[in-house]
Amino acid sequence: MSSQKKRILVVEDSPIVLKILRHIVNQELDPKCYQVDYVDSLAGAKESIQQQDYFAALADLNLPDAPDGEVVDFILDKGIPCIVLTGSYSEERREKLLTMGIVDYVVKESRFSYAYAVKLVQRLTLNEFIKVLVVEDSVTARKYVKTLLQQHLFQVLEAENGVDALKVYEQHPEVRLIITDYHMPEMDGFELVRQIRMQSDKSDLAIIGLSSMEKGALSAKFIKNGANDFLQKPFFPEELHCRVIHNLESIEQIQALNEAANRDYLTKLYNRRYLFNAGQEVHRNANQKKPLAVAMMSVDNFKDVNDQYGHEAGDALLIHMGELISESFSRFLTARLDGETFCVLLPGLSSSQALTLMEQFRLKVEDQGVYIGDQYIDTTISVGVATQLVTSLDGMIHRADEYLCRAKDMGSNQVVGES
């Protein structure tokens, strides 16, 4: 998400509903990321939209000065994604509004309904950064699916057959969802799914198959070939959106679990397990032309901080260190190994370059202590740097640790390496 707050407009005339929405908004939407404005009429919406740029709007369908949904027309005319709130369900009205291009149609039945509407705002925020590839030989069908996805702010790429889709995917490996028709020239949907699954598994990329053919085995065949889901054409817009969101959320949940398993809970740096797993590839690629340096660093006198100020102060100091390390070594693999000890893998750096970089970081840490409440704590680190390649990453880390111990024995607050 960008650093600028996203502005949301809520248009609702019922004081009770407004109170519920305010409560849910305060619970669900981070005030650092969102600014929410509340108005109770079409006139208020017009005045607000004239003065501000809005990312999205939640609008009541029936207002005193707009009883027939005029506020929705106005919001859509201004190009603002609109989530409609209504007190009663009408199939005819729902279809009309979806055709007009609203994000969703939410009946005000319970607190869950309002929570769903607010969470849609968060979903739109995520969608802005997600690329979806639509593969369909029919221009009309392809444009229709593209339009539905763009209403939810996805970045949409297009391909007219499987061969074309593989080229697009090669150029855009960050694509997170592919929606593909079955019957296409050159390469059909089944073969496309098979080819894609040779490159990406279901934890990285979701695939939804489409077909207008009524053969019952099509859905099973799609899924057996590696698709996550299947949708029979024609489909309701809401059905497509539900399938899309369901599959993307599944990927996001898997990625969140992986992230939690690989990150240190306190500093948010990678943990020991991830360092050794991911670092093996870094070590394998190292040679005379592509050297590798391994730096081990430890906070000096960390036990004294815990003893004098308490473990909360120690945690604050470690969080501070994690932030400095992330900021200073953003292009390198960094990890908290245990306690107050951290590790950085520095591929491509010679011994002198690595020692210079770590000395600069040592000075930065020395210059930036940390406040624990009103108390300022001076902070220093000791660093050991190994640059001589040995047969394993573990061996280089062990050698860097030996140099770290030597730095501590020599009085701390210094960098020791092989030179």
Protein backbone atom coordinates (compact mmCIF):
# COMPACT_ATOMS: atom_id res chain seq x y z
CA MET A 1 0.00 0.00 0.00
CA SER A 2 1.26 3.51 -0.73
CA SER A 3 2.20 5.79 2.18
CA GLN A 4 -0.68 8.14 1.36
CA LYS A 5 -3.94 7.36 3.13
CA LYS A 6 -6.81 6.03 1.04
CA ARG A 7 -9.94 8.10 1.49
CA ILE A 8 -13.25 6.26 1.88
CA LEU A 9 -16.69 7.88 1.67
CA VAL A 10 -19.62 6.44 3.64
CA VAL A 11 -23.08 7.72 2.65
CA GLU A 12 -25.74 6.62 5.17
CA ASP A 13 -28.69 8.49 6.71
CA SER A 14 -29.65 6.02 9.46
CA PRO A 15 -28.03 7.00 12.80
CA ILE A 16 -28.15 3.39 14.01
CA VAL A 17 -26.52 1.98 10.88
CA LEU A 18 -23.99 4.80 10.90
CA LYS A 19 -23.05 3.98 14.50
CA ILE A 20 -22.50 0.32 13.59
CA LEU A 21 -20.45 1.23 10.52
CA ARG A 22 -18.26 3.63 12.51
CA HIS A 23 -17.59 0.91 15.08
CA ILE A 24 -16.65 -1.68 12.43
CA VAL A 25 -14.54 0.81 10.50
CA ASN A 26 -12.61 1.66 13.67
CA GLN A 27 -12.05 -2.05 14.29
CA GLU A 28 -11.14 -3.13 10.77
CA LEU A 29 -9.52 -0.20 8.94
CA ASP A 30 -6.08 0.97 10.06
CA PRO A 31 -6.26 4.76 10.60
CA LYS A 32 -2.67 4.98 9.35
CA CYS A 33 -3.87 3.69 5.97
CA TYR A 34 -7.44 5.00 5.64
CA GLN A 35 -9.30 8.25 6.14
CA VAL A 36 -13.08 7.69 6.33
CA ASP A 37 -15.58 10.51 5.76
CA TYR A 38 -19.26 10.19 6.69
CA VAL A 39 -22.19 12.03 5.07
CA ASP A 40 -25.95 11.40 5.26
CA SER A 41 -27.23 12.64 1.89
CA LEU A 42 -26.61 12.92 -1.85
CA ALA A 43 -25.92 16.61 -1.33
CA GLY A 44 -23.27 15.74 1.26
CA ALA A 45 -21.72 13.17 -1.09
CA LYS A 46 -21.53 15.70 -3.92
CA GLU A 47 -19.86 18.27 -1.69
CA SER A 48 -17.32 15.75 -0.35
CA ILE A 49 -16.46 14.31 -3.76
CA GLN A 50 -15.98 17.82 -5.11
CA GLN A 51 -13.38 18.48 -2.41
CA GLN A 52 -11.64 15.10 -2.09
CA ASP A 53 -10.37 12.17 -4.19
CA TYR A 54 -11.96 8.95 -2.95
CA PHE A 55 -10.60 5.44 -3.31
CA ALA A 56 -14.02 3.81 -2.73
CA ALA A 57 -17.50 4.52 -1.34
CA LEU A 58 -20.11 2.66 0.70
CA ALA A 59 -23.48 4.15 -0.21
CA ASP A 60 -27.04 3.61 1.03
CA LEU A 61 -29.38 3.01 -1.88
CA ASN A 62 -32.29 5.02 -0.45
CA LEU A 63 -31.60 8.48 0.93
CA PRO A 64 -34.07 11.29 1.72
CA ASP A 65 -32.78 13.38 -1.20
CA ALA A 66 -32.02 10.35 -3.40
CA PRO A 67 -34.75 7.72 -2.88
CA ASP A 68 -34.08 5.80 -6.11
CA GLY A 69 -30.36 5.21 -5.89
CA GLU A 70 -29.28 8.47 -7.48
CA VAL A 71 -26.27 8.60 -5.17
CA VAL A 72 -24.94 5.39 -6.74
CA ASP A 73 -25.29 6.86 -10.23
CA PHE A 74 -23.37 9.95 -9.11
CA ILE A 75 -20.56 7.98 -7.43
CA LEU A 76 -20.09 5.68 -10.43
CA ASP A 77 -20.13 8.65 -12.82
CA LYS A 78 -17.16 10.02 -10.86
CA GLY A 79 -15.26 6.76 -11.41
CA ILE A 80 -15.31 5.76 -7.73
CA PRO A 81 -15.77 2.05 -6.89
CA CYS A 82 -19.10 1.78 -5.06
CA ILE A 83 -20.32 -0.81 -2.55
CA VAL A 84 -24.11 -0.51 -2.29
CA LEU A 85 -25.92 -0.88 1.04
CA THR A 86 -29.66 -1.53 0.95
CA GLY A 87 -32.36 -2.35 3.47
CA SER A 88 -34.28 -4.67 1.15
CA TYR A 89 -33.41 -7.20 -1.53
CA SER A 90 -34.63 -6.81 -5.10
CA GLU A 91 -33.38 -9.20 -7.77
CA GLU A 92 -34.22 -6.74 -10.53
CA ARG A 93 -32.43 -3.89 -8.78
CA ARG A 94 -29.43 -6.10 -7.95
CA GLU A 95 -28.97 -7.13 -11.60
CA LYS A 96 -29.29 -3.54 -12.76
CA LEU A 97 -26.73 -2.27 -10.28
CA LEU A 98 -24.24 -5.04 -11.07
CA THR A 99 -24.64 -4.24 -14.77
CA MET A 100 -23.88 -0.60 -13.95
CA GLY A 101 -20.55 -1.70 -12.46
CA ILE A 102 -20.88 -1.58 -8.67
CA VAL A 103 -18.41 -3.57 -6.58
CA ASP A 104 -21.12 -5.44 -4.65
CA TYR A 105 -24.71 -5.31 -3.41
CA VAL A 106 -24.98 -5.76 0.36
CA VAL A 107 -28.30 -6.17 2.17
CA LYS A 108 -28.29 -4.60 5.63
CA GLU A 109 -29.38 -7.73 7.49
CA SER A 110 -26.93 -7.98 10.37
CA ARG A 111 -23.64 -6.78 11.77
CA PHE A 112 -21.97 -9.40 9.57
CA SER A 113 -23.31 -7.61 6.48
CA TYR A 114 -21.69 -4.35 7.51
CA ALA A 115 -18.43 -6.11 8.37
CA TYR A 116 -18.49 -7.76 4.93
CA ALA A 117 -18.94 -4.36 3.26
CA VAL A 118 -16.04 -2.83 5.18
CA LYS A 119 -13.77 -5.81 4.45
CA LEU A 120 -14.50 -5.28 0.75
CA VAL A 121 -12.63 -1.99 1.06
CA GLN A 122 -9.57 -3.88 2.34
CA ARG A 123 -9.95 -6.37 -0.48
CA LEU A 124 -10.00 -3.59 -3.08
CA THR A 125 -6.80 -2.23 -1.57
CA LEU A 126 -5.10 -5.61 -2.01
CA ASN A 127 -6.53 -6.10 -5.49
CA GLU A 128 -4.78 -3.00 -6.79
CA PHE A 129 -1.47 -4.88 -6.62
CA ILE A 130 -2.66 -8.23 -8.02
CA LYS A 131 -2.25 -9.16 -11.67
CA VAL A 132 -4.82 -11.47 -13.27
CA LEU A 133 -4.40 -13.07 -16.69
CA VAL A 134 -7.59 -13.71 -18.69
CA VAL A 135 -7.19 -16.32 -21.45
CA GLU A 136 -10.12 -16.44 -23.88
CA ASP A 137 -10.28 -16.59 -27.68
CA SER A 138 -13.62 -14.76 -27.84
CA VAL A 139 -12.92 -11.02 -27.73
CA THR A 140 -16.40 -10.32 -26.34
CA ALA A 141 -16.10 -12.88 -23.53
CA ARG A 142 -12.56 -11.78 -22.72
CA LYS A 143 -13.53 -8.11 -22.46
CA TYR A 144 -16.51 -9.02 -20.27
CA VAL A 145 -14.37 -10.89 -17.74
CA LYS A 146 -11.77 -8.12 -17.88
CA THR A 147 -14.41 -5.49 -17.09
CA LEU A 148 -15.72 -7.48 -14.11
CA LEU A 149 -12.21 -7.80 -12.71
CA GLN A 150 -11.38 -4.14 -13.24
CA GLN A 151 -14.48 -3.18 -11.26
CA HIS A 152 -12.66 -4.80 -8.33
CA LEU A 153 -9.45 -2.91 -9.22
CA PHE A 154 -7.38 -5.88 -10.41
CA GLN A 155 -4.58 -5.33 -12.92
CA VAL A 156 -5.78 -7.38 -15.89
CA LEU A 157 -3.65 -8.92 -18.64
CA GLU A 158 -5.12 -10.66 -21.70
CA ALA A 159 -4.27 -13.58 -23.97
CA GLU A 160 -6.29 -15.10 -26.80
CA ASN A 161 -5.04 -18.70 -26.48
CA GLY A 162 -2.76 -20.94 -24.45
CA VAL A 163 0.37 -20.23 -26.49
CA ASP A 164 -0.13 -16.50 -26.11
CA ALA A 165 -0.86 -16.95 -22.39
CA LEU A 166 2.46 -18.74 -21.77
CA LYS A 167 4.31 -15.82 -23.37
CA VAL A 168 2.42 -13.30 -21.23
CA TYR A 169 3.06 -15.32 -18.08
CA GLU A 170 6.77 -15.53 -18.88
CA GLN A 171 6.85 -11.74 -19.13
CA HIS A 172 4.76 -11.30 -15.96
CA PRO A 173 5.69 -14.08 -13.48
CA GLU A 174 4.08 -12.03 -10.69
CA VAL A 175 0.61 -12.97 -12.02
CA ARG A 176 -1.37 -14.50 -9.13
CA LEU A 177 -4.49 -15.72 -10.95
CA ILE A 178 -5.22 -17.12 -14.41
CA ILE A 179 -8.79 -17.42 -15.68
CA THR A 180 -8.81 -19.58 -18.80
CA ASP A 181 -11.38 -20.87 -21.24
CA TYR A 182 -11.27 -24.52 -22.29
CA HIS A 183 -11.89 -24.45 -26.04
CA MET A 184 -9.23 -22.31 -27.78
CA PRO A 185 -7.13 -22.62 -30.95
CA GLU A 186 -3.41 -23.58 -30.86
CA MET A 187 -3.50 -24.63 -27.19
CA ASP A 188 -6.63 -25.39 -25.17
CA GLY A 189 -7.23 -24.68 -21.49
CA PHE A 190 -6.26 -28.18 -20.30
CA GLU A 191 -2.84 -28.04 -21.94
CA LEU A 192 -2.27 -24.50 -20.71
CA VAL A 193 -2.96 -25.57 -17.13
CA ARG A 194 -0.58 -28.52 -17.48
CA GLN A 195 2.18 -26.28 -18.84
CA ILE A 196 1.68 -23.65 -16.16
CA ARG A 197 1.75 -26.22 -13.35
CA MET A 198 5.22 -27.30 -14.48
CA GLN A 199 6.36 -23.82 -13.40
CA SER A 200 4.09 -22.77 -10.51
CA ASP A 201 2.20 -24.69 -7.87
CA LYS A 202 -1.13 -23.88 -6.23
CA SER A 203 0.47 -22.00 -3.36
CA ASP A 204 1.83 -19.36 -5.76
CA LEU A 205 -0.75 -19.17 -8.54
CA ALA A 206 -4.48 -19.90 -8.72
CA ILE A 207 -6.15 -21.07 -11.95
CA ILE A 208 -9.89 -20.99 -12.66
CA GLY A 209 -11.15 -22.90 -15.70
CA LEU A 210 -14.10 -21.70 -17.78
CA SER A 211 -16.29 -23.44 -20.33
CA SER A 212 -19.71 -23.08 -21.93
CA MET A 213 -19.76 -26.80 -22.79
CA GLU A 214 -22.12 -28.82 -20.60
CA LYS A 215 -19.98 -31.94 -20.29
CA GLY A 216 -19.91 -32.85 -16.62
CA ALA A 217 -16.36 -34.20 -16.79
CA LEU A 218 -14.89 -30.85 -17.83
CA SER A 219 -14.71 -29.45 -14.31
CA ALA A 220 -13.05 -32.61 -12.98
CA LYS A 221 -10.60 -32.70 -15.88
CA PHE A 222 -9.63 -29.08 -15.34
CA ILE A 223 -8.98 -29.66 -11.64
CA LYS A 224 -7.13 -32.95 -12.26
CA ASN A 225 -4.84 -31.08 -14.66
CA GLY A 226 -3.98 -28.59 -11.91
CA ALA A 227 -6.69 -25.92 -11.85
CA ASN A 228 -7.91 -24.69 -8.48
CA ASP A 229 -11.50 -24.13 -9.55
CA PHE A 230 -13.97 -24.25 -12.44
CA LEU A 231 -16.84 -22.02 -13.53
CA GLN A 232 -19.57 -22.88 -16.02
CA LYS A 233 -20.48 -20.16 -18.56
CA PRO A 234 -22.67 -18.17 -18.43
CA PHE A 235 -22.12 -17.14 -14.83
CA PHE A 236 -23.35 -14.38 -12.53
CA PRO A 237 -20.80 -11.58 -11.90
CA GLU A 238 -21.01 -12.24 -8.16
CA GLU A 239 -20.18 -15.90 -8.72
CA LEU A 240 -17.00 -15.00 -10.59
CA HIS A 241 -15.98 -12.49 -7.91
CA CYS A 242 -16.63 -15.00 -5.10
CA ARG A 243 -14.53 -17.68 -6.82
CA VAL A 244 -11.74 -15.19 -7.54
CA ILE A 245 -11.60 -13.90 -3.97
CA HIS A 246 -11.89 -17.39 -2.46
CA ASN A 247 -8.89 -18.65 -4.46
CA LEU A 248 -6.77 -15.57 -3.87
CA GLU A 249 -7.46 -15.68 -0.14
CA SER A 250 -6.39 -19.33 -0.07
CA ILE A 251 -3.04 -18.36 -1.61
CA GLU A 252 -2.69 -15.43 0.78
CA GLN A 253 -3.38 -17.66 3.79
CA ILE A 254 -0.73 -20.16 2.67
CA GLN A 255 1.76 -17.35 2.13
CA ALA A 256 0.93 -15.87 5.54
CA LEU A 257 1.54 -19.26 7.19
CA ASN A 258 4.85 -19.64 5.34
CA GLU A 259 5.84 -16.13 6.31
CA ALA A 260 5.00 -16.78 9.95
CA ALA A 261 7.01 -20.01 9.89
CA ASN A 262 10.05 -18.30 8.34
CA ARG A 263 10.09 -15.02 10.30
CA ASP A 264 11.31 -14.22 13.78
CA TYR A 265 8.23 -13.16 15.72
CA LEU A 266 9.96 -10.21 17.42
CA THR A 267 12.25 -8.54 14.88
CA LYS A 268 10.40 -9.72 11.73
CA LEU A 269 13.74 -10.74 10.23
CA TYR A 270 14.05 -14.25 8.84
CA ASN A 271 14.70 -16.97 11.39
CA ARG A 272 17.52 -19.53 11.66
CA ARG A 273 15.64 -22.22 9.73
CA TYR A 274 14.96 -19.96 6.75
CA LEU A 275 18.54 -18.67 6.73
CA PHE A 276 19.97 -22.19 6.46
CA ASN A 277 17.40 -23.30 3.86
CA ALA A 278 17.61 -20.25 1.59
CA GLY A 279 21.29 -19.68 2.30
CA GLN A 280 22.31 -23.05 0.82
CA GLU A 281 21.55 -21.75 -2.68
CA VAL A 282 23.51 -18.56 -2.00
CA HIS A 283 26.47 -20.63 -0.86
CA ARG A 284 26.26 -22.97 -3.87
CA ASN A 285 26.43 -20.00 -6.25
CA ALA A 286 29.53 -18.56 -4.56
CA ASN A 287 32.92 -18.93 -6.28
CA GLN A 288 36.04 -16.89 -7.04
CA LYS A 289 34.14 -14.62 -9.43
CA LYS A 290 31.08 -14.40 -7.17
CA PRO A 291 32.48 -14.27 -3.64
CA LEU A 292 30.44 -14.63 -0.48
CA ALA A 293 30.85 -12.97 2.90
CA VAL A 294 29.05 -14.08 6.03
CA ALA A 295 28.69 -11.59 8.89
CA MET A 296 27.68 -12.52 12.43
CA MET A 297 26.82 -9.68 14.80
CA SER A 298 25.81 -9.50 18.42
CA VAL A 299 24.50 -6.68 20.63
CA ASP A 300 27.09 -5.85 23.26
CA ASN A 301 26.15 -6.08 26.96
CA PHE A 302 22.64 -7.21 26.12
CA LYS A 303 22.27 -9.10 29.42
CA ASP A 304 22.98 -5.87 31.29
CA VAL A 305 20.08 -4.17 29.48
CA ASN A 306 17.71 -6.99 30.50
CA ASP A 307 18.97 -6.96 34.08
CA GLN A 308 18.82 -3.19 34.50
CA TYR A 309 15.71 -2.26 32.51
CA GLY A 310 13.77 -5.52 32.21
CA HIS A 311 12.98 -7.90 29.36
CA GLU A 312 10.59 -5.44 27.70
CA ALA A 313 13.53 -3.09 27.26
CA GLY A 314 15.58 -5.95 25.83
CA ASP A 315 12.79 -6.72 23.36
CA ALA A 316 12.61 -3.06 22.35
CA LEU A 317 16.36 -3.06 21.71
CA LEU A 318 16.11 -6.20 19.55
CA ILE A 319 13.23 -4.69 17.56
CA HIS A 320 15.36 -1.57 17.05
CA MET A 321 18.23 -3.75 15.80
CA GLY A 322 15.90 -5.60 13.44
CA GLU A 323 14.76 -2.31 11.93
CA LEU A 324 18.33 -1.08 11.45
CA ILE A 325 19.39 -4.37 9.86
CA SER A 326 16.39 -4.43 7.51
CA GLU A 327 17.03 -0.83 6.51
CA SER A 328 20.79 -1.25 6.00
CA PHE A 329 20.87 -4.67 4.30
CA SER A 330 17.61 -4.67 2.32
CA ARG A 331 19.19 -6.39 -0.71
CA PHE A 332 20.82 -9.15 1.34
CA LEU A 333 19.55 -12.16 3.28
CA THR A 334 19.32 -11.25 6.96
CA ALA A 335 18.21 -13.30 9.97
CA ARG A 336 18.04 -13.35 13.75
CA LEU A 337 19.75 -16.57 14.80
CA ASP A 338 18.98 -16.49 18.51
CA GLY A 339 18.93 -14.07 21.43
CA GLU A 340 20.90 -10.96 20.49
CA THR A 341 22.77 -12.60 17.57
CA PHE A 342 22.09 -11.78 13.92
CA CYS A 343 23.49 -12.96 10.60
CA VAL A 344 23.82 -11.36 7.14
CA LEU A 345 24.82 -13.15 3.93
CA LEU A 346 26.67 -10.81 1.58
CA PRO A 347 27.06 -12.44 -1.86
CA GLY A 348 29.18 -10.58 -4.41
CA LEU A 349 31.26 -8.68 -1.83
CA SER A 350 35.00 -9.11 -1.47
CA SER A 351 36.59 -9.34 1.96
CA SER A 352 37.50 -5.65 2.03
CA GLN A 353 34.05 -4.60 0.79
CA ALA A 354 32.30 -6.73 3.40
CA LEU A 355 34.51 -5.45 6.23
CA THR A 356 33.96 -1.84 5.14
CA LEU A 357 30.19 -2.33 4.96
CA MET A 358 30.02 -3.93 8.40
CA GLU A 359 32.23 -1.22 9.90
CA GLN A 360 29.84 1.40 8.51
CA PHE A 361 26.95 -0.47 10.09
CA ARG A 362 28.78 -0.74 13.43
CA LEU A 363 29.20 3.05 13.44
CA LYS A 364 25.54 3.51 12.54
CA VAL A 365 24.43 1.35 15.49
CA GLU A 366 26.81 3.19 17.81
CA ASP A 367 25.36 6.49 16.65
CA GLN A 368 21.72 5.42 17.07
CA GLY A 369 20.90 4.23 20.55
CA VAL A 370 17.37 3.40 21.59
CA TYR A 371 14.89 5.02 23.94
CA ILE A 372 13.20 2.81 26.52
CA GLY A 373 10.49 5.10 27.79
CA ASP A 374 12.40 8.27 28.71
CA GLN A 375 15.67 6.42 29.17
CA TYR A 376 18.23 6.55 26.34
CA ILE A 377 20.40 3.44 26.05
CA ASP A 378 23.73 3.53 24.20
CA THR A 379 24.04 0.56 21.88
CA THR A 380 27.05 -1.09 20.26
CA ILE A 381 27.63 -4.33 18.39
CA SER A 382 30.50 -6.70 17.77
CA VAL A 383 30.85 -8.29 14.33
CA GLY A 384 32.67 -11.27 12.85
CA VAL A 385 33.08 -11.57 9.08
CA ALA A 386 34.05 -14.77 7.23
CA THR A 387 34.95 -14.53 3.53
CA GLN A 388 37.02 -17.62 2.84
CA LEU A 389 34.83 -20.16 1.06
CA VAL A 390 34.53 -23.55 2.73
CA THR A 391 32.47 -26.59 1.73
CA SER A 392 29.30 -25.58 3.55
CA LEU A 393 27.36 -22.52 4.64
CA ASP A 394 27.38 -23.91 8.17
CA GLY A 395 31.17 -23.87 8.06
CA MET A 396 31.27 -20.19 7.05
CA ILE A 397 28.78 -19.26 9.76
CA HIS A 398 30.87 -21.15 12.32
CA ARG A 399 34.00 -19.27 11.22
CA ALA A 400 32.18 -15.90 11.34
CA ASP A 401 31.03 -16.81 14.86
CA GLU A 402 34.64 -17.45 15.88
CA TYR A 403 35.60 -13.97 14.67
CA LEU A 404 32.62 -12.55 16.54
CA CYS A 405 33.87 -14.16 19.76
CA ARG A 406 37.31 -12.70 19.06
CA ALA A 407 35.76 -9.23 18.67
CA LYS A 408 34.07 -9.65 22.05
CA ASP A 409 37.34 -10.82 23.67
CA MET A 410 39.15 -7.79 22.27
CA GLY A 411 36.78 -5.38 24.02
CA SER A 412 33.61 -5.45 21.88
CA ASN A 413 32.26 -2.72 19.58
CA GLN A 414 34.46 -3.72 16.67
CA VAL A 415 34.58 -5.74 13.46
CA VAL A 416 36.93 -8.69 13.10
CA GLY A 417 37.53 -10.56 9.85
CA GLU A 418 40.08 -12.80 8.19
CA SER A 419 42.33 -9.92 7.22
